[in-house]
Amino acid sequence: MNVIQQYLDQNNVTRYKVSKLSGLGQTTLKAAVDSKNGIDGLTGKVIKAIAVALDKTPGTVLDELVQLEKNKKV
């Protein structure tokens, strides 16, 4: 499972909800989730959209994604 989708699942939020709450297009979010680059290919727009949906700061979201990806590789 992709790290981004895993992060969304762990935070009980769907891509649809992220899209609706943030205004980010579902296609853009799907492309980020489907990317084979993991979090390396994420744009600030996508991180900000996830942060808005989760009521977190973009920095917190990025830190948590980095930690999740790091744990997944171990």
N, C-alpha and C. Protein backbone atom coordinates (compact mmCIF):
# COMPACT_ATOMS: atom_id res chain seq x y z
N MET A 1 0.85 -1.18 0.00
CA MET A 1 0.00 0.00 0.00
C MET A 1 0.89 1.25 0.00
N ASN A 2 0.49 2.24 -0.75
CA ASN A 2 1.21 3.49 -0.83
C ASN A 2 1.22 4.18 0.53
N VAL A 3 2.32 4.85 0.85
CA VAL A 3 2.47 5.52 2.14
C VAL A 3 1.40 6.59 2.34
N ILE A 4 1.07 7.31 1.29
CA ILE A 4 0.08 8.38 1.40
C ILE A 4 -1.30 7.80 1.70
N GLN A 5 -1.68 6.74 0.99
CA GLN A 5 -2.97 6.10 1.26
C GLN A 5 -2.98 5.50 2.66
N GLN A 6 -1.88 4.91 3.07
CA GLN A 6 -1.78 4.35 4.42
C GLN A 6 -1.96 5.45 5.46
N TYR A 7 -1.36 6.61 5.22
CA TYR A 7 -1.49 7.74 6.14
C TYR A 7 -2.94 8.21 6.22
N LEU A 8 -3.59 8.32 5.08
CA LEU A 8 -5.00 8.73 5.07
C LEU A 8 -5.85 7.71 5.83
N ASP A 9 -5.61 6.43 5.59
CA ASP A 9 -6.36 5.38 6.28
C ASP A 9 -6.16 5.44 7.79
N GLN A 10 -4.92 5.65 8.22
CA GLN A 10 -4.63 5.71 9.65
C GLN A 10 -5.32 6.90 10.31
N ASN A 11 -5.55 7.94 9.53
CA ASN A 11 -6.20 9.14 10.06
C ASN A 11 -7.70 9.18 9.75
N ASN A 12 -8.22 8.05 9.28
CA ASN A 12 -9.66 7.90 9.01
C ASN A 12 -10.22 9.01 8.12
N VAL A 13 -9.52 9.29 7.05
CA VAL A 13 -9.99 10.29 6.10
C VAL A 13 -9.86 9.71 4.69
N THR A 14 -10.86 9.99 3.87
CA THR A 14 -10.85 9.49 2.50
C THR A 14 -10.28 10.56 1.56
N ARG A 15 -9.87 10.11 0.39
CA ARG A 15 -9.40 11.06 -0.62
C ARG A 15 -10.53 12.02 -1.00
N TYR A 16 -11.75 11.51 -1.05
CA TYR A 16 -12.90 12.35 -1.37
C TYR A 16 -13.05 13.47 -0.35
N LYS A 17 -12.92 13.14 0.93
CA LYS A 17 -13.06 14.15 1.99
C LYS A 17 -11.93 15.18 1.90
N VAL A 18 -10.72 14.72 1.65
CA VAL A 18 -9.59 15.66 1.49
C VAL A 18 -9.90 16.62 0.34
N SER A 19 -10.38 16.09 -0.75
CA SER A 19 -10.71 16.90 -1.92
C SER A 19 -11.80 17.92 -1.60
N LYS A 20 -12.85 17.49 -0.96
CA LYS A 20 -13.97 18.37 -0.64
C LYS A 20 -13.59 19.46 0.35
N LEU A 21 -12.85 19.10 1.40
CA LEU A 21 -12.50 20.07 2.44
C LEU A 21 -11.43 21.06 1.99
N SER A 22 -10.58 20.63 1.08
CA SER A 22 -9.44 21.48 0.69
C SER A 22 -9.62 22.17 -0.65
N GLY A 23 -10.49 21.62 -1.49
CA GLY A 23 -10.65 22.17 -2.83
C GLY A 23 -9.67 21.61 -3.84
N LEU A 24 -8.80 20.71 -3.40
CA LEU A 24 -7.85 20.07 -4.30
C LEU A 24 -8.59 19.04 -5.15
N GLY A 25 -8.32 19.02 -6.42
CA GLY A 25 -9.00 18.09 -7.32
C GLY A 25 -8.71 16.64 -6.97
N GLN A 26 -9.73 15.81 -7.12
CA GLN A 26 -9.57 14.38 -6.83
C GLN A 26 -8.52 13.74 -7.74
N THR A 27 -8.41 14.23 -8.96
CA THR A 27 -7.43 13.69 -9.90
C THR A 27 -6.01 13.96 -9.41
N THR A 28 -5.78 15.15 -8.89
CA THR A 28 -4.46 15.52 -8.36
C THR A 28 -4.12 14.65 -7.17
N LEU A 29 -5.08 14.44 -6.30
CA LEU A 29 -4.86 13.62 -5.11
C LEU A 29 -4.62 12.16 -5.49
N LYS A 30 -5.39 11.67 -6.46
CA LYS A 30 -5.21 10.29 -6.91
C LYS A 30 -3.82 10.09 -7.51
N ALA A 31 -3.36 11.06 -8.28
CA ALA A 31 -2.02 10.98 -8.87
C ALA A 31 -0.95 10.92 -7.79
N ALA A 32 -1.13 11.67 -6.71
CA ALA A 32 -0.16 11.65 -5.61
C ALA A 32 -0.17 10.30 -4.91
N VAL A 33 -1.35 9.76 -4.69
CA VAL A 33 -1.47 8.46 -4.02
C VAL A 33 -0.91 7.34 -4.90
N ASP A 34 -1.14 7.43 -6.20
CA ASP A 34 -0.69 6.39 -7.13
C ASP A 34 0.79 6.50 -7.51
N SER A 35 1.41 7.60 -7.15
CA SER A 35 2.82 7.83 -7.51
C SER A 35 3.73 6.77 -6.91
N LYS A 36 4.68 6.34 -7.69
CA LYS A 36 5.65 5.34 -7.22
C LYS A 36 6.81 6.00 -6.47
N ASN A 37 6.81 7.33 -6.39
CA ASN A 37 7.88 8.07 -5.73
C ASN A 37 7.67 8.23 -4.23
N GLY A 38 6.58 7.70 -3.70
CA GLY A 38 6.31 7.88 -2.27
C GLY A 38 6.13 9.35 -1.96
N ILE A 39 6.66 9.78 -0.82
CA ILE A 39 6.48 11.17 -0.44
C ILE A 39 7.44 12.11 -1.16
N ASP A 40 8.45 11.56 -1.83
CA ASP A 40 9.40 12.41 -2.56
C ASP A 40 8.73 13.19 -3.68
N GLY A 41 7.66 12.67 -4.23
CA GLY A 41 6.98 13.33 -5.32
C GLY A 41 5.83 14.23 -4.90
N LEU A 42 5.60 14.36 -3.60
CA LEU A 42 4.48 15.18 -3.12
C LEU A 42 4.74 16.66 -3.33
N THR A 43 3.71 17.36 -3.71
CA THR A 43 3.81 18.82 -3.82
C THR A 43 3.29 19.45 -2.54
N GLY A 44 3.65 20.68 -2.35
CA GLY A 44 3.15 21.43 -1.20
C GLY A 44 1.64 21.52 -1.20
N LYS A 45 1.05 21.58 -2.40
CA LYS A 45 -0.40 21.66 -2.53
C LYS A 45 -1.08 20.43 -1.93
N VAL A 46 -0.52 19.27 -2.20
CA VAL A 46 -1.11 18.02 -1.70
C VAL A 46 -0.94 17.93 -0.19
N ILE A 47 0.23 18.27 0.30
CA ILE A 47 0.47 18.23 1.75
C ILE A 47 -0.47 19.20 2.45
N LYS A 48 -0.62 20.39 1.90
CA LYS A 48 -1.51 21.39 2.49
C LYS A 48 -2.96 20.89 2.48
N ALA A 49 -3.39 20.25 1.41
CA ALA A 49 -4.76 19.73 1.32
C ALA A 49 -5.02 18.68 2.39
N ILE A 50 -4.07 17.78 2.57
CA ILE A 50 -4.21 16.75 3.61
C ILE A 50 -4.26 17.41 4.98
N ALA A 51 -3.40 18.40 5.19
CA ALA A 51 -3.36 19.12 6.47
C ALA A 51 -4.70 19.79 6.77
N VAL A 52 -5.29 20.42 5.77
CA VAL A 52 -6.59 21.08 5.94
C VAL A 52 -7.65 20.06 6.36
N ALA A 53 -7.68 18.93 5.69
CA ALA A 53 -8.68 17.90 5.99
C ALA A 53 -8.50 17.31 7.38
N LEU A 54 -7.27 17.26 7.86
CA LEU A 54 -6.99 16.65 9.16
C LEU A 54 -6.87 17.68 10.28
N ASP A 55 -7.00 18.96 9.94
CA ASP A 55 -6.84 20.04 10.91
C ASP A 55 -5.47 19.96 11.59
N LYS A 56 -4.45 19.77 10.77
CA LYS A 56 -3.07 19.73 11.24
C LYS A 56 -2.27 20.74 10.42
N THR A 57 -1.07 21.03 10.86
CA THR A 57 -0.21 21.90 10.07
C THR A 57 0.44 21.08 8.96
N PRO A 58 0.78 21.72 7.85
CA PRO A 58 1.48 20.99 6.79
C PRO A 58 2.79 20.37 7.29
N GLY A 59 3.47 21.05 8.19
CA GLY A 59 4.71 20.52 8.75
C GLY A 59 4.49 19.23 9.52
N THR A 60 3.41 19.18 10.28
CA THR A 60 3.08 17.97 11.04
C THR A 60 2.77 16.83 10.09
N VAL A 61 1.99 17.11 9.06
CA VAL A 61 1.64 16.08 8.08
C VAL A 61 2.90 15.54 7.42
N LEU A 62 3.79 16.42 7.01
CA LEU A 62 5.03 15.99 6.36
C LEU A 62 5.88 15.17 7.32
N ASP A 63 6.02 15.63 8.56
CA ASP A 63 6.80 14.87 9.55
C ASP A 63 6.23 13.47 9.74
N GLU A 64 4.90 13.37 9.84
CA GLU A 64 4.26 12.07 10.05
C GLU A 64 4.42 11.17 8.82
N LEU A 65 4.34 11.75 7.63
CA LEU A 65 4.54 10.97 6.41
C LEU A 65 5.97 10.45 6.31
N VAL A 66 6.93 11.29 6.66
CA VAL A 66 8.34 10.88 6.63
C VAL A 66 8.56 9.73 7.61
N GLN A 67 8.00 9.85 8.80
CA GLN A 67 8.15 8.80 9.81
C GLN A 67 7.49 7.50 9.36
N LEU A 68 6.32 7.60 8.77
CA LEU A 68 5.61 6.42 8.28
C LEU A 68 6.41 5.73 7.17
N GLU A 69 6.94 6.51 6.25
CA GLU A 69 7.74 5.94 5.17
C GLU A 69 9.01 5.30 5.72
N LYS A 70 9.62 5.95 6.67
CA LYS A 70 10.84 5.43 7.30
C LYS A 70 10.56 4.09 7.99
N ASN A 71 9.46 4.01 8.72
CA ASN A 71 9.09 2.78 9.42
C ASN A 71 8.75 1.66 8.44
N LYS A 72 8.20 2.04 7.30
CA LYS A 72 7.80 1.05 6.30
C LYS A 72 9.03 0.39 5.66
N LYS A 73 10.12 1.14 5.55
CA LYS A 73 11.33 0.62 4.92
C LYS A 73 12.12 -0.29 5.85
N VAL A 74 11.87 -0.18 7.14
CA VAL A 74 12.63 -0.98 8.12
C VAL A 74 12.11 -2.38 8.19
